[in-house]
């Protein structure tokens, strides 16, 4: 099972570290990551393996969302089943 995490917002030091720390704390393993800075804006997409999550997926998603609120970032976590359903032709 996988999830897609997107992070956007004003660039500042430590964004990747903070998101990665939450993933590690709750058992989500980062499979792939892409990030860029466009002017002063940060954008990242992470693919994480959630087979070993130590909390329910909804709680994990809420924790990341709150991390975003606390750091003036927009963080969305989407289960791969939803992501795949949204992008089928």
Protein backbone atom coordinates (compact mmCIF):
# COMPACT_ATOMS: atom_id res chain seq x y z
CA UNK A 1 0.00 0.00 0.00
CA UNK A 2 1.24 3.45 -0.87
CA UNK A 3 0.23 7.06 -0.40
CA UNK A 4 1.04 10.27 -2.24
CA UNK A 5 1.99 13.26 -0.09
CA UNK A 6 2.12 16.73 -1.63
CA UNK A 7 3.63 19.75 0.11
CA UNK A 8 3.49 23.32 -1.15
CA UNK A 9 4.24 26.69 0.42
CA UNK A 10 6.84 29.37 0.94
CA UNK A 11 10.32 27.88 0.95
CA UNK A 12 12.16 27.66 4.26
CA UNK A 13 14.79 25.49 5.87
CA UNK A 14 13.75 22.05 7.12
CA UNK A 15 10.55 21.28 5.22
CA UNK A 16 11.76 17.92 3.92
CA UNK A 17 13.24 17.05 7.31
CA UNK A 18 9.98 17.80 9.14
CA UNK A 19 7.80 15.78 6.76
CA UNK A 20 10.33 12.93 6.69
CA UNK A 21 10.46 12.87 10.49
CA UNK A 22 6.68 12.44 10.71
CA UNK A 23 6.81 9.66 8.11
CA UNK A 24 9.54 7.89 10.06
CA UNK A 25 7.80 8.34 13.41
CA UNK A 26 4.63 6.64 12.15
CA UNK A 27 6.22 3.90 10.03
CA UNK A 28 5.77 5.34 6.52
CA UNK A 29 8.77 4.56 4.31
CA UNK A 30 9.63 7.09 1.60
CA UNK A 31 9.83 5.26 -1.76
CA UNK A 32 10.33 8.26 -4.02
CA UNK A 33 10.57 12.01 -3.63
CA UNK A 34 10.66 14.97 -5.98
CA UNK A 35 11.00 18.55 -4.86
CA UNK A 36 11.70 21.90 -6.40
CA UNK A 37 11.83 25.55 -5.46
CA UNK A 38 10.16 27.99 -7.86
CA UNK A 39 11.27 31.49 -6.88
CA UNK A 40 10.37 31.50 -3.19
CA UNK A 41 7.84 28.66 -3.39
CA UNK A 42 8.51 25.07 -2.38
CA UNK A 43 6.78 22.10 -4.03
CA UNK A 44 7.27 18.44 -3.17
CA UNK A 45 5.65 15.13 -4.04
CA UNK A 46 6.49 12.03 -2.01
CA UNK A 47 5.46 8.45 -2.61
CA UNK A 48 5.45 6.56 0.69
CA UNK A 49 4.89 2.92 1.58
CA UNK A 50 2.24 2.78 4.30
CA UNK A 51 2.13 -0.98 4.96
CA UNK A 52 3.82 -0.52 8.34
CA UNK A 53 1.88 2.55 9.58
CA UNK A 54 1.55 2.53 13.36
CA UNK A 55 -1.64 4.65 13.23
CA UNK A 56 -4.71 4.54 11.01
CA UNK A 57 -4.26 6.21 7.63
CA UNK A 58 -6.78 8.95 8.47
CA UNK A 59 -4.85 9.85 11.62
CA UNK A 60 -1.56 9.90 9.67
CA UNK A 61 -3.11 12.23 7.11
CA UNK A 62 -4.44 14.52 9.87
CA UNK A 63 -1.03 14.65 11.57
CA UNK A 64 0.62 15.74 8.32
CA UNK A 65 -2.12 18.28 7.65
CA UNK A 66 -1.54 19.78 11.11
CA UNK A 67 2.20 19.87 10.46
CA UNK A 68 1.36 21.95 7.41
CA UNK A 69 -0.85 24.31 9.40
CA UNK A 70 1.86 24.72 12.04
CA UNK A 71 4.45 25.56 9.36
CA UNK A 72 2.34 27.60 6.91
CA UNK A 73 2.40 24.80 4.34
CA UNK A 74 -0.32 23.00 2.43
CA UNK A 75 0.13 19.25 2.98
CA UNK A 76 -2.20 16.68 1.42
CA UNK A 77 -1.96 12.92 1.85
CA UNK A 78 -3.85 10.70 -0.57
CA UNK A 79 -4.13 6.91 -0.44
CA UNK A 80 -2.96 5.33 -3.70
CA UNK A 81 -6.42 3.77 -4.27
CA UNK A 82 -8.02 7.23 -4.36
CA UNK A 83 -5.17 8.64 -6.43
CA UNK A 84 -5.45 5.82 -8.98
CA UNK A 85 -9.24 6.14 -9.16
CA UNK A 86 -9.00 9.88 -9.82
CA UNK A 87 -6.50 9.43 -12.65
CA UNK A 88 -8.10 6.60 -14.62
CA UNK A 89 -9.34 7.32 -18.09
